[in-house]
PDB file of N, CA and C in Angstrom:
ATOM      1  N   MET A   1       9.296  -5.821  11.715  1.00  0.00           N
ATOM      2  CA  MET A   1       9.752  -5.858  10.343  1.00  0.00           C
ATOM      3  C   MET A   1      10.014  -4.424   9.876  1.00  0.00           C
ATOM      4  N   LYS A   2      11.126  -4.224   9.249  1.00  0.00           N
ATOM      5  CA  LYS A   2      11.498  -2.916   8.726  1.00  0.00           C
ATOM      6  C   LYS A   2      11.056  -2.795   7.271  1.00  0.00           C
ATOM      7  N   ILE A   3      10.619  -1.593   6.892  1.00  0.00           N
ATOM      8  CA  ILE A   3      10.227  -1.288   5.518  1.00  0.00           C
ATOM      9  C   ILE A   3      11.108  -0.149   5.031  1.00  0.00           C
ATOM     10  N   ASN A   4      11.659  -0.318   3.845  1.00  0.00           N
ATOM     11  CA  ASN A   4      12.422   0.748   3.202  1.00  0.00           C
ATOM     12  C   ASN A   4      11.500   1.479   2.238  1.00  0.00           C
ATOM     13  N   ILE A   5      11.487   2.806   2.335  1.00  0.00           N
ATOM     14  CA  ILE A   5      10.684   3.659   1.458  1.00  0.00           C
ATOM     15  C   ILE A   5      11.636   4.595   0.743  1.00  0.00           C
ATOM     16  N   LYS A   6      11.502   4.658  -0.581  1.00  0.00           N
ATOM     17  CA  LYS A   6      12.404   5.472  -1.391  1.00  0.00           C
ATOM     18  C   LYS A   6      11.585   6.426  -2.255  1.00  0.00           C
ATOM     19  N   ILE A   7      11.820   7.719  -2.123  1.00  0.00           N
ATOM     20  CA  ILE A   7      11.166   8.717  -2.972  1.00  0.00           C
ATOM     21  C   ILE A   7      11.918   8.737  -4.297  1.00  0.00           C
ATOM     22  N   VAL A   8      11.183   8.467  -5.403  1.00  0.00           N
ATOM     23  CA  VAL A   8      11.847   8.358  -6.702  1.00  0.00           C
ATOM     24  C   VAL A   8      11.520   9.506  -7.651  1.00  0.00           C
ATOM     25  N   GLU A   9      10.424  10.217  -7.387  1.00  0.00           N
ATOM     26  CA  GLU A   9      10.072  11.343  -8.249  1.00  0.00           C
ATOM     27  C   GLU A   9       9.110  12.257  -7.511  1.00  0.00           C
ATOM     28  N   ILE A  10       9.158  13.543  -7.857  1.00  0.00           N
ATOM     29  CA  ILE A  10       8.285  14.542  -7.238  1.00  0.00           C
ATOM     30  C   ILE A  10       7.716  15.427  -8.338  1.00  0.00           C
ATOM     31  N   ASP A  11       6.406  15.688  -8.279  1.00  0.00           N
ATOM     32  CA  ASP A  11       5.782  16.663  -9.171  1.00  0.00           C
ATOM     33  C   ASP A  11       5.280  17.799  -8.288  1.00  0.00           C
ATOM     34  N   GLN A  12       6.048  18.860  -8.239  1.00  0.00           N
ATOM     35  CA  GLN A  12       5.748  19.987  -7.360  1.00  0.00           C
ATOM     36  C   GLN A  12       4.397  20.612  -7.684  1.00  0.00           C
ATOM     37  N   SER A  13       4.046  20.712  -8.965  1.00  0.00           N
ATOM     38  CA  SER A  13       2.801  21.394  -9.350  1.00  0.00           C
ATOM     39  C   SER A  13       1.556  20.677  -8.845  1.00  0.00           C
ATOM     40  N   SER A  14       1.591  19.358  -8.766  1.00  0.00           N
ATOM     41  CA  SER A  14       0.417  18.610  -8.289  1.00  0.00           C
ATOM     42  C   SER A  14       0.608  18.059  -6.880  1.00  0.00           C
ATOM     43  N   HIS A  15       1.747  18.360  -6.258  1.00  0.00           N
ATOM     44  CA  HIS A  15       2.080  17.835  -4.925  1.00  0.00           C
ATOM     45  C   HIS A  15       2.017  16.312  -4.890  1.00  0.00           C
ATOM     46  N   THR A  16       2.527  15.696  -5.959  1.00  0.00           N
ATOM     47  CA  THR A  16       2.531  14.243  -6.062  1.00  0.00           C
ATOM     48  C   THR A  16       3.949  13.720  -5.855  1.00  0.00           C
ATOM     49  N   VAL A  17       4.042  12.677  -5.052  1.00  0.00           N
ATOM     50  CA  VAL A  17       5.328  12.062  -4.743  1.00  0.00           C
ATOM     51  C   VAL A  17       5.237  10.585  -5.124  1.00  0.00           C
ATOM     52  N   LEU A  18       6.196  10.122  -5.943  1.00  0.00           N
ATOM     53  CA  LEU A  18       6.259   8.710  -6.305  1.00  0.00           C
ATOM     54  C   LEU A  18       7.251   8.018  -5.398  1.00  0.00           C
ATOM     55  N   VAL A  19       6.825   6.892  -4.839  1.00  0.00           N
ATOM     56  CA  VAL A  19       7.692   6.146  -3.931  1.00  0.00           C
ATOM     57  C   VAL A  19       7.748   4.682  -4.341  1.00  0.00           C
ATOM     58  N   LYS A  20       8.823   4.049  -3.934  1.00  0.00           N
ATOM     59  CA  LYS A  20       8.962   2.596  -4.022  1.00  0.00           C
ATOM     60  C   LYS A  20       9.197   2.114  -2.600  1.00  0.00           C
ATOM     61  N   TYR A  21       8.826   0.876  -2.345  1.00  0.00           N
ATOM     62  CA  TYR A  21       9.008   0.346  -1.009  1.00  0.00           C
ATOM     63  C   TYR A  21       9.251  -1.146  -1.068  1.00  0.00           C
ATOM     64  N   ALA A  22       9.951  -1.639  -0.067  1.00  0.00           N
ATOM     65  CA  ALA A  22      10.207  -3.069   0.074  1.00  0.00           C
ATOM     66  C   ALA A  22      10.533  -3.337   1.539  1.00  0.00           C
ATOM     67  N   SER A  23      10.285  -4.566   1.952  1.00  0.00           N
ATOM     68  CA  SER A  23      10.606  -4.963   3.317  1.00  0.00           C
ATOM     69  C   SER A  23      11.734  -5.985   3.280  1.00  0.00           C
ATOM     70  N   GLU A  24      12.172  -6.372   4.449  1.00  0.00           N
ATOM     71  CA  GLU A  24      13.196  -7.407   4.530  1.00  0.00           C
ATOM     72  C   GLU A  24      12.663  -8.758   4.046  1.00  0.00           C
ATOM     73  N   ASN A  25      11.329  -8.903   3.949  1.00  0.00           N
ATOM     74  CA  ASN A  25      10.718 -10.139   3.461  1.00  0.00           C
ATOM     75  C   ASN A  25      10.363 -10.093   1.977  1.00  0.00           C
ATOM     76  N   SER A  26      10.546  -8.953   1.328  1.00  0.00           N
ATOM     77  CA  SER A  26      10.196  -8.823  -0.084  1.00  0.00           C
ATOM     78  C   SER A  26      11.131  -9.672  -0.937  1.00  0.00           C
ATOM     79  N   LYS A  27      10.581 -10.250  -2.000  1.00  0.00           N
ATOM     80  CA  LYS A  27      11.374 -11.122  -2.868  1.00  0.00           C
ATOM     81  C   LYS A  27      12.329 -10.346  -3.768  1.00  0.00           C
ATOM     82  N   LYS A  28      11.980  -9.103  -4.096  1.00  0.00           N
ATOM     83  CA  LYS A  28      12.783  -8.311  -5.022  1.00  0.00           C
ATOM     84  C   LYS A  28      13.427  -7.148  -4.281  1.00  0.00           C
ATOM     85  N   SER A  29      14.366  -6.512  -4.954  1.00  0.00           N
ATOM     86  CA  SER A  29      14.946  -5.295  -4.388  1.00  0.00           C
ATOM     87  C   SER A  29      13.953  -4.153  -4.570  1.00  0.00           C
ATOM     88  N   ILE A  30      14.131  -3.105  -3.819  1.00  0.00           N
ATOM     89  CA  ILE A  30      13.207  -1.968  -3.846  1.00  0.00           C
ATOM     90  C   ILE A  30      13.056  -1.392  -5.258  1.00  0.00           C
ATOM     91  N   ASP A  31      14.142  -1.365  -6.025  1.00  0.00           N
ATOM     92  CA  ASP A  31      14.093  -0.769  -7.363  1.00  0.00           C
ATOM     93  C   ASP A  31      13.389  -1.643  -8.395  1.00  0.00           C
ATOM     94  N   GLU A  32      13.156  -2.899  -8.087  1.00  0.00           N
ATOM     95  CA  GLU A  32      12.467  -3.794  -9.013  1.00  0.00           C
ATOM     96  C   GLU A  32      10.946  -3.677  -8.937  1.00  0.00           C
ATOM     97  N   TYR A  33      10.429  -3.002  -7.924  1.00  0.00           N
ATOM     98  CA  TYR A  33       8.988  -2.842  -7.775  1.00  0.00           C
ATOM     99  C   TYR A  33       8.524  -1.558  -8.454  1.00  0.00           C
ATOM    100  N   PRO A  34       7.266  -1.527  -8.915  1.00  0.00           N
ATOM    101  CA  PRO A  34       6.750  -0.292  -9.523  1.00  0.00           C
ATOM    102  C   PRO A  34       6.546   0.780  -8.459  1.00  0.00           C
ATOM    103  N   GLU A  35       6.624   2.018  -8.888  1.00  0.00           N
ATOM    104  CA  GLU A  35       6.400   3.112  -7.954  1.00  0.00           C
ATOM    105  C   GLU A  35       4.899   3.306  -7.732  1.00  0.00           C
ATOM    106  N   VAL A  36       4.589   3.916  -6.596  1.00  0.00           N
ATOM    107  CA  VAL A  36       3.218   4.239  -6.221  1.00  0.00           C
ATOM    108  C   VAL A  36       3.171   5.742  -5.957  1.00  0.00           C
ATOM    109  N   ALA A  37       2.099   6.383  -6.405  1.00  0.00           N
ATOM    110  CA  ALA A  37       1.989   7.837  -6.271  1.00  0.00           C
ATOM    111  C   ALA A  37       1.119   8.205  -5.075  1.00  0.00           C
ATOM    112  N   PHE A  38       1.575   9.205  -4.345  1.00  0.00           N
ATOM    113  CA  PHE A  38       0.807   9.778  -3.251  1.00  0.00           C
ATOM    114  C   PHE A  38       0.692  11.266  -3.510  1.00  0.00           C
ATOM    115  N   GLN A  39      -0.534  11.776  -3.431  1.00  0.00           N
ATOM    116  CA  GLN A  39      -0.732  13.216  -3.575  1.00  0.00           C
ATOM    117  C   GLN A  39      -0.851  13.805  -2.178  1.00  0.00           C
ATOM    118  N   ILE A  40      -0.033  14.806  -1.907  1.00  0.00           N
ATOM    119  CA  ILE A  40      -0.030  15.422  -0.582  1.00  0.00           C
ATOM    120  C   ILE A  40      -1.116  16.482  -0.521  1.00  0.00           C
ATOM    121  N   THR A  41      -2.103  16.229   0.334  1.00  0.00           N
ATOM    122  CA  THR A  41      -3.143  17.222   0.598  1.00  0.00           C
ATOM    123  C   THR A  41      -3.078  17.684   2.042  1.00  0.00           C
ATOM    124  N   ASN A  42      -2.238  17.053   2.839  1.00  0.00           N
ATOM    125  CA  ASN A  42      -2.002  17.454   4.222  1.00  0.00           C
ATOM    126  C   ASN A  42      -0.819  18.408   4.197  1.00  0.00           C
ATOM    127  N   TYR A  43      -1.091  19.693   4.246  1.00  0.00           N
ATOM    128  CA  TYR A  43      -0.029  20.684   4.115  1.00  0.00           C
ATOM    129  C   TYR A  43       0.765  20.889   5.393  1.00  0.00           C
ATOM    130  N   ASN A  44       0.483  20.094   6.428  1.00  0.00           N
ATOM    131  CA  ASN A  44       1.333  20.082   7.612  1.00  0.00           C
ATOM    132  C   ASN A  44       2.578  19.252   7.373  1.00  0.00           C
ATOM    133  N   VAL A  45       2.576  18.474   6.283  1.00  0.00           N
ATOM    134  CA  VAL A  45       3.737  17.673   5.918  1.00  0.00           C
ATOM    135  C   VAL A  45       4.738  18.595   5.226  1.00  0.00           C
ATOM    136  N   LYS A  46       5.825  18.882   5.912  1.00  0.00           N
ATOM    137  CA  LYS A  46       6.803  19.855   5.411  1.00  0.00           C
ATOM    138  C   LYS A  46       8.160  19.240   5.095  1.00  0.00           C
ATOM    139  N   THR A  47       8.419  18.025   5.594  1.00  0.00           N
ATOM    140  CA  THR A  47       9.729  17.407   5.411  1.00  0.00           C
ATOM    141  C   THR A  47       9.550  15.988   4.860  1.00  0.00           C
ATOM    142  N   PRO A  48      10.610  15.427   4.289  1.00  0.00           N
ATOM    143  CA  PRO A  48      10.508  14.037   3.827  1.00  0.00           C
ATOM    144  C   PRO A  48      10.179  13.080   4.972  1.00  0.00           C
ATOM    145  N   GLU A  49      10.699  13.358   6.147  1.00  0.00           N
ATOM    146  CA  GLU A  49      10.426  12.498   7.301  1.00  0.00           C
ATOM    147  C   GLU A  49       8.943  12.536   7.686  1.00  0.00           C
ATOM    148  N   GLU A  50       8.345  13.726   7.654  1.00  0.00           N
ATOM    149  CA  GLU A  50       6.905  13.847   7.955  1.00  0.00           C
ATOM    150  C   GLU A  50       6.071  13.163   6.872  1.00  0.00           C
ATOM    151  N   PHE A  51       6.505  13.255   5.619  1.00  0.00           N
ATOM    152  CA  PHE A  51       5.806  12.573   4.532  1.00  0.00           C
ATOM    153  C   PHE A  51       5.850  11.063   4.736  1.00  0.00           C
ATOM    154  N   VAL A  52       7.022  10.529   5.027  1.00  0.00           N
ATOM    155  CA  VAL A  52       7.154   9.084   5.240  1.00  0.00           C
ATOM    156  C   VAL A  52       6.286   8.642   6.411  1.00  0.00           C
ATOM    157  N   GLU A  53       6.249   9.424   7.468  1.00  0.00           N
ATOM    158  CA  GLU A  53       5.405   9.082   8.619  1.00  0.00           C
ATOM    159  C   GLU A  53       3.927   9.111   8.234  1.00  0.00           C
ATOM    160  N   ALA A  54       3.533  10.047   7.378  1.00  0.00           N
ATOM    161  CA  ALA A  54       2.134  10.147   6.943  1.00  0.00           C
ATOM    162  C   ALA A  54       1.706   8.952   6.101  1.00  0.00           C
ATOM    163  N   ILE A  55       2.604   8.423   5.283  1.00  0.00           N
ATOM    164  CA  ILE A  55       2.236   7.292   4.415  1.00  0.00           C
ATOM    165  C   ILE A  55       2.548   5.941   5.049  1.00  0.00           C
ATOM    166  N   ARG A  56       3.226   5.938   6.175  1.00  0.00           N
ATOM    167  CA  ARG A  56       3.655   4.678   6.808  1.00  0.00           C
ATOM    168  C   ARG A  56       2.524   3.685   7.034  1.00  0.00           C
ATOM    169  N   PRO A  57       1.342   4.078   7.545  1.00  0.00           N
ATOM    170  CA  PRO A  57       0.279   3.078   7.742  1.00  0.00           C
ATOM    171  C   PRO A  57      -0.163   2.428   6.435  1.00  0.00           C
ATOM    172  N   GLN A  58      -0.343   3.230   5.405  1.00  0.00           N
ATOM    173  CA  GLN A  58      -0.811   2.689   4.129  1.00  0.00           C
ATOM    174  C   GLN A  58       0.264   1.820   3.478  1.00  0.00           C
ATOM    175  N   VAL A  59       1.495   2.273   3.466  1.00  0.00           N
ATOM    176  CA  VAL A  59       2.575   1.493   2.875  1.00  0.00           C
ATOM    177  C   VAL A  59       2.784   0.198   3.665  1.00  0.00           C
ATOM    178  N   SER A  60       2.631   0.248   4.977  1.00  0.00           N
ATOM    179  CA  SER A  60       2.755  -0.959   5.790  1.00  0.00           C
ATOM    180  C   SER A  60       1.732  -2.007   5.370  1.00  0.00           C
ATOM    181  N   LEU A  61       0.507  -1.575   5.146  1.00  0.00           N
ATOM    182  CA  LEU A  61      -0.533  -2.498   4.692  1.00  0.00           C
ATOM    183  C   LEU A  61      -0.203  -3.044   3.306  1.00  0.00           C
ATOM    184  N   TYR A  62       0.224  -2.170   2.403  1.00  0.00           N
ATOM    185  CA  TYR A  62       0.571  -2.596   1.045  1.00  0.00           C
ATOM    186  C   TYR A  62       1.695  -3.625   1.045  1.00  0.00           C
ATOM    187  N   VAL A  63       2.771  -3.341   1.769  1.00  0.00           N
ATOM    188  CA  VAL A  63       3.920  -4.239   1.753  1.00  0.00           C
ATOM    189  C   VAL A  63       3.577  -5.553   2.447  1.00  0.00           C
ATOM    190  N   TYR A  64       2.776  -5.504   3.483  1.00  0.00           N
ATOM    191  CA  TYR A  64       2.343  -6.727   4.162  1.00  0.00           C
ATOM    192  C   TYR A  64       1.581  -7.631   3.203  1.00  0.00           C
ATOM    193  N   GLN A  65       0.623  -7.053   2.470  1.00  0.00           N
ATOM    194  CA  GLN A  65      -0.170  -7.844   1.529  1.00  0.00           C
ATOM    195  C   GLN A  65       0.683  -8.355   0.367  1.00  0.00           C
ATOM    196  N   ARG A  66       1.582  -7.523  -0.141  1.00  0.00           N
ATOM    197  CA  ARG A  66       2.434  -7.947  -1.249  1.00  0.00           C
ATOM    198  C   ARG A  66       3.384  -9.055  -0.805  1.00  0.00           C
ATOM    199  N   ASP A  67       3.978  -8.911   0.385  1.00  0.00           N
ATOM    200  CA  ASP A  67       4.882  -9.947   0.888  1.00  0.00           C
ATOM    201  C   ASP A  67       4.151 -11.262   1.112  1.00  0.00           C
ATOM    202  N   LEU A  68       2.909 -11.202   1.592  1.00  0.00           N
ATOM    203  CA  LEU A  68       2.130 -12.435   1.761  1.00  0.00           C
ATOM    204  C   LEU A  68       1.886 -13.118   0.419  1.00  0.00           C
ATOM    205  N   ALA A  69       1.577 -12.330  -0.594  1.00  0.00           N
ATOM    206  CA  ALA A  69       1.335 -12.899  -1.919  1.00  0.00           C
ATOM    207  C   ALA A  69       2.610 -13.506  -2.505  1.00  0.00           C
ATOM    208  N   GLU A  70       3.749 -12.877  -2.228  1.00  0.00           N
ATOM    209  CA  GLU A  70       5.026 -13.373  -2.743  1.00  0.00           C
ATOM    210  C   GLU A  70       5.550 -14.575  -1.956  1.00  0.00           C
ATOM    211  N   ASN A  71       5.204 -14.648  -0.696  1.00  0.00           N
ATOM    212  CA  ASN A  71       5.736 -15.694   0.192  1.00  0.00           C
ATOM    213  C   ASN A  71       4.623 -16.375   0.976  1.00  0.00           C
ATOM    214  N   PRO A  72       3.694 -17.037   0.298  1.00  0.00           N
ATOM    215  CA  PRO A  72       2.609 -17.671   1.071  1.00  0.00           C
ATOM    216  C   PRO A  72       3.171 -18.749   1.997  1.00  0.00           C
ATOM    217  N   SER A  73       2.709 -18.728   3.255  1.00  0.00           N
ATOM    218  CA  SER A  73       3.236 -19.680   4.233  1.00  0.00           C
ATOM    219  C   SER A  73       2.747 -21.094   3.940  1.00  0.00           C
ATOM    220  N   THR A  74       1.487 -21.218   3.582  1.00  0.00           N
ATOM    221  CA  THR A  74       0.956 -22.518   3.187  1.00  0.00           C
ATOM    222  C   THR A  74      -0.054 -22.288   2.069  1.00  0.00           C
ATOM    223  N   PRO A  75      -0.076 -23.163   1.089  1.00  0.00           N
ATOM    224  CA  PRO A  75      -1.060 -23.000   0.018  1.00  0.00           C
ATOM    225  C   PRO A  75      -2.475 -23.244   0.547  1.00  0.00           C
ATOM    226  N   VAL A  76      -3.419 -22.539  -0.017  1.00  0.00           N
ATOM    227  CA  VAL A  76      -4.821 -22.689   0.383  1.00  0.00           C
ATOM    228  C   VAL A  76      -5.527 -23.520  -0.683  1.00  0.00           C
ATOM    229  N   ASP A  77      -6.166 -24.590  -0.246  1.00  0.00           N
ATOM    230  CA  ASP A  77      -6.919 -25.444  -1.162  1.00  0.00           C
ATOM    231  C   ASP A  77      -8.334 -24.892  -1.263  1.00  0.00           C
ATOM    232  N   LEU A  78      -8.661 -24.289  -2.397  1.00  0.00           N
ATOM    233  CA  LEU A  78      -9.965 -23.661  -2.610  1.00  0.00           C
ATOM    234  C   LEU A  78     -10.991 -24.607  -3.210  1.00  0.00           C
ATOM    235  N   SER A  79     -10.616 -25.823  -3.518  1.00  0.00           N
ATOM    236  CA  SER A  79     -11.500 -26.725  -4.256  1.00  0.00           C
ATOM    237  C   SER A  79     -12.820 -26.993  -3.532  1.00  0.00           C
ATOM    238  N   ALA A  80     -12.832 -27.026  -2.224  1.00  0.00           N
ATOM    239  CA  ALA A  80     -14.063 -27.303  -1.477  1.00  0.00           C
ATOM    240  C   ALA A  80     -14.925 -26.062  -1.266  1.00  0.00           C
ATOM    241  N   TRP A  81     -14.475 -24.905  -1.688  1.00  0.00           N
ATOM    242  CA  TRP A  81     -15.213 -23.674  -1.471  1.00  0.00           C
ATOM    243  C   TRP A  81     -16.357 -23.493  -2.451  1.00  0.00           C
ATOM    244  N   HIS A  82     -16.335 -24.165  -3.575  1.00  0.00           N
ATOM    245  CA  HIS A  82     -17.359 -23.985  -4.605  1.00  0.00           C
ATOM    246  C   HIS A  82     -18.745 -24.283  -4.028  1.00  0.00           C
ATOM    247  N   GLY A  83     -19.672 -23.355  -4.217  1.00  0.00           N
ATOM    248  CA  GLY A  83     -21.037 -23.534  -3.753  1.00  0.00           C
ATOM    249  C   GLY A  83     -21.278 -23.132  -2.312  1.00  0.00           C
ATOM    250  N   HIS A  84     -20.252 -22.706  -1.608  1.00  0.00           N
ATOM    251  CA  HIS A  84     -20.407 -22.309  -0.211  1.00  0.00           C
ATOM    252  C   HIS A  84     -21.289 -21.068  -0.128  1.00  0.00           C
ATOM    253  N   THR A  85     -22.235 -21.067   0.796  1.00  0.00           N
ATOM    254  CA  THR A  85     -23.069 -19.888   1.048  1.00  0.00           C
ATOM    255  C   THR A  85     -22.951 -19.523   2.526  1.00  0.00           C
ATOM    256  N   ALA A  86     -23.150 -18.258   2.820  1.00  0.00           N
ATOM    257  CA  ALA A  86     -23.072 -17.795   4.196  1.00  0.00           C
ATOM    258  C   ALA A  86     -24.008 -16.612   4.378  1.00  0.00           C
ATOM    259  N   GLU A  87     -24.550 -16.479   5.584  1.00  0.00           N
ATOM    260  CA  GLU A  87     -25.350 -15.319   5.945  1.00  0.00           C
ATOM    261  C   GLU A  87     -24.642 -14.638   7.105  1.00  0.00           C
ATOM    262  N   VAL A  88     -24.334 -13.356   6.938  1.00  0.00           N
ATOM    263  CA  VAL A  88     -23.592 -12.636   7.959  1.00  0.00           C
ATOM    264  C   VAL A  88     -24.310 -11.341   8.303  1.00  0.00           C
ATOM    265  N   ASP A  89     -24.026 -10.827   9.482  1.00  0.00           N
ATOM    266  CA  ASP A  89     -24.573  -9.532   9.886  1.00  0.00           C
ATOM    267  C   ASP A  89     -23.849  -8.424   9.125  1.00  0.00           C
ATOM    268  N   HIS A  90     -24.571  -7.352   8.893  1.00  0.00           N
ATOM    269  CA  HIS A  90     -23.995  -6.179   8.241  1.00  0.00           C
ATOM    270  C   HIS A  90     -22.864  -5.639   9.097  1.00  0.00           C
ATOM    271  N   TYR A  91     -21.766  -5.277   8.475  1.00  0.00           N
ATOM    272  CA  TYR A  91     -20.610  -4.731   9.185  1.00  0.00           C
ATOM    273  C   TYR A  91     -20.738  -3.228   9.266  1.00  0.00           C
ATOM    274  N   GLN A  92     -20.709  -2.687  10.475  1.00  0.00           N
ATOM    275  CA  GLN A  92     -20.743  -1.246  10.676  1.00  0.00           C
ATOM    276  C   GLN A  92     -19.531  -0.854  11.473  1.00  0.00           C
ATOM    277  N   PRO A  93     -18.537  -0.300  10.795  1.00  0.00           N
ATOM    278  CA  PRO A  93     -17.322   0.061  11.527  1.00  0.00           C
ATOM    279  C   PRO A  93     -17.551   1.248  12.439  1.00  0.00           C
ATOM    280  N   THR A  94     -16.816   1.253  13.542  1.00  0.00           N
ATOM    281  CA  THR A  94     -16.868   2.403  14.444  1.00  0.00           C
ATOM    282  C   THR A  94     -15.854   3.453  14.017  1.00  0.00           C
ATOM    283  N   ASP A  95     -14.804   3.006  13.336  1.00  0.00           N
ATOM    284  CA  ASP A  95     -13.789   3.905  12.801  1.00  0.00           C
ATOM    285  C   ASP A  95     -13.775   3.762  11.285  1.00  0.00           C
ATOM    286  N   PRO A  96     -13.328   4.789  10.579  1.00  0.00           N
ATOM    287  CA  PRO A  96     -13.220   4.655   9.127  1.00  0.00           C
ATOM    288  C   PRO A  96     -12.287   3.505   8.763  1.00  0.00           C
ATOM    289  N   VAL A  97     -12.657   2.752   7.751  1.00  0.00           N
ATOM    290  CA  VAL A  97     -11.870   1.620   7.298  1.00  0.00           C
ATOM    291  C   VAL A  97     -11.019   2.056   6.120  1.00  0.00           C
ATOM    292  N   LEU A  98      -9.747   1.683   6.131  1.00  0.00           N
ATOM    293  CA  LEU A  98      -8.867   1.971   5.006  1.00  0.00           C
ATOM    294  C   LEU A  98      -9.345   1.158   3.816  1.00  0.00           C
ATOM    295  N   ALA A  99      -9.955   1.816   2.845  1.00  0.00           N
ATOM    296  CA  ALA A  99     -10.562   1.120   1.727  1.00  0.00           C
ATOM    297  C   ALA A  99      -9.809   1.325   0.427  1.00  0.00           C
ATOM    298  N   SER A 100      -8.659   1.951   0.476  1.00  0.00           N
ATOM    299  CA  SER A 100      -7.917   2.184  -0.755  1.00  0.00           C
ATOM    300  C   SER A 100      -7.197   0.921  -1.175  1.00  0.00           C
ATOM    301  N   GLN A 101      -6.804   0.900  -2.422  1.00  0.00           N
ATOM    302  CA  GLN A 101      -6.054  -0.229  -2.922  1.00  0.00           C
ATOM    303  C   GLN A 101      -4.805   0.260  -3.623  1.00  0.00           C
ATOM    304  N   LEU A 102      -3.863  -0.635  -3.752  1.00  0.00           N
ATOM    305  CA  LEU A 102      -2.603  -0.306  -4.397  1.00  0.00           C
ATOM    306  C   LEU A 102      -2.821  -0.122  -5.886  1.00  0.00           C
ATOM    307  N   ILE A 103      -2.396   1.021  -6.418  1.00  0.00           N
ATOM    308  CA  ILE A 103      -2.527   1.316  -7.836  1.00  0.00           C
ATOM    309  C   ILE A 103      -1.163   1.758  -8.331  1.00  0.00           C
ATOM    310  N   PRO A 104      -0.569   1.001  -9.245  1.00  0.00           N
ATOM    311  CA  PRO A 104       0.730   1.453  -9.758  1.00  0.00           C
ATOM    312  C   PRO A 104       0.626   2.856 -10.347  1.00  0.00           C
ATOM    313  N   ALA A 105       1.663   3.611 -10.183  1.00  0.00           N
ATOM    314  CA  ALA A 105       1.646   5.028 -10.575  1.00  0.00           C
ATOM    315  C   ALA A 105       1.336   5.218 -12.053  1.00  0.00           C
ATOM    316  N   GLN A 106       1.709   4.270 -12.886  1.00  0.00           N
ATOM    317  CA  GLN A 106       1.450   4.435 -14.312  1.00  0.00           C
ATOM    318  C   GLN A 106      -0.043   4.374 -14.638  1.00  0.00           C
ATOM    319  N   GLN A 107      -0.842   3.711 -13.815  1.00  0.00           N
ATOM    320  CA  GLN A 107      -2.270   3.582 -14.079  1.00  0.00           C
ATOM    321  C   GLN A 107      -3.069   4.758 -13.522  1.00  0.00           C
ATOM    322  N   ASN A 108      -2.726   5.200 -12.329  1.00  0.00           N
ATOM    323  CA  ASN A 108      -3.418   6.318 -11.704  1.00  0.00           C
ATOM    324  C   ASN A 108      -2.404   7.059 -10.853  1.00  0.00           C
ATOM    325  N   PRO A 109      -1.956   8.216 -11.306  1.00  0.00           N
ATOM    326  CA  PRO A 109      -0.838   8.861 -10.631  1.00  0.00           C
ATOM    327  C   PRO A 109      -1.178   9.553  -9.320  1.00  0.00           C
ATOM    328  N   GLU A 110      -2.399   9.408  -8.816  1.00  0.00           N
ATOM    329  CA  GLU A 110      -2.735  10.146  -7.602  1.00  0.00           C
ATOM    330  C   GLU A 110      -3.443   9.269  -6.593  1.00  0.00           C
ATOM    331  N   ILE A 111      -2.834   9.119  -5.444  1.00  0.00           N
ATOM    332  CA  ILE A 111      -3.480   8.547  -4.274  1.00  0.00           C
ATOM    333  C   ILE A 111      -3.472   9.669  -3.265  1.00  0.00           C
ATOM    334  N   VAL A 112      -4.628  10.098  -2.822  1.00  0.00           N
ATOM    335  CA  VAL A 112      -4.735  11.257  -1.954  1.00  0.00           C
ATOM    336  C   VAL A 112      -4.536  10.830  -0.516  1.00  0.00           C
ATOM    337  N   LEU A 113      -3.681  11.549   0.199  1.00  0.00           N
ATOM    338  CA  LEU A 113      -3.484  11.297   1.640  1.00  0.00           C
ATOM    339  C   LEU A 113      -4.508  12.081   2.413  1.00  0.00           C
TER     340      LEU A 113
END
């Protein structure tokens, strides 16, 4: 699946870049989605291509989740879930887990890379 990423604004003083993104499965055009802000703290990123490569994993996760929400393959019946209990082992990742969430740029203009 291809993802289109569009840089829509740059704040040089804070090294913040606003982007919009959409995939071939997205319901709307790229310009209909809100922008997301990324703050560049990796100063090895010198070109737009290097920036796009740096944000590609995070944007891929965001667009995947958004496309799933927009195009659910089958509805999930939650009615039987009420009262369900479970006991699970503590999760200890061996690698850092991507724990960030999508925040529209108007709410929080900085997502640190």
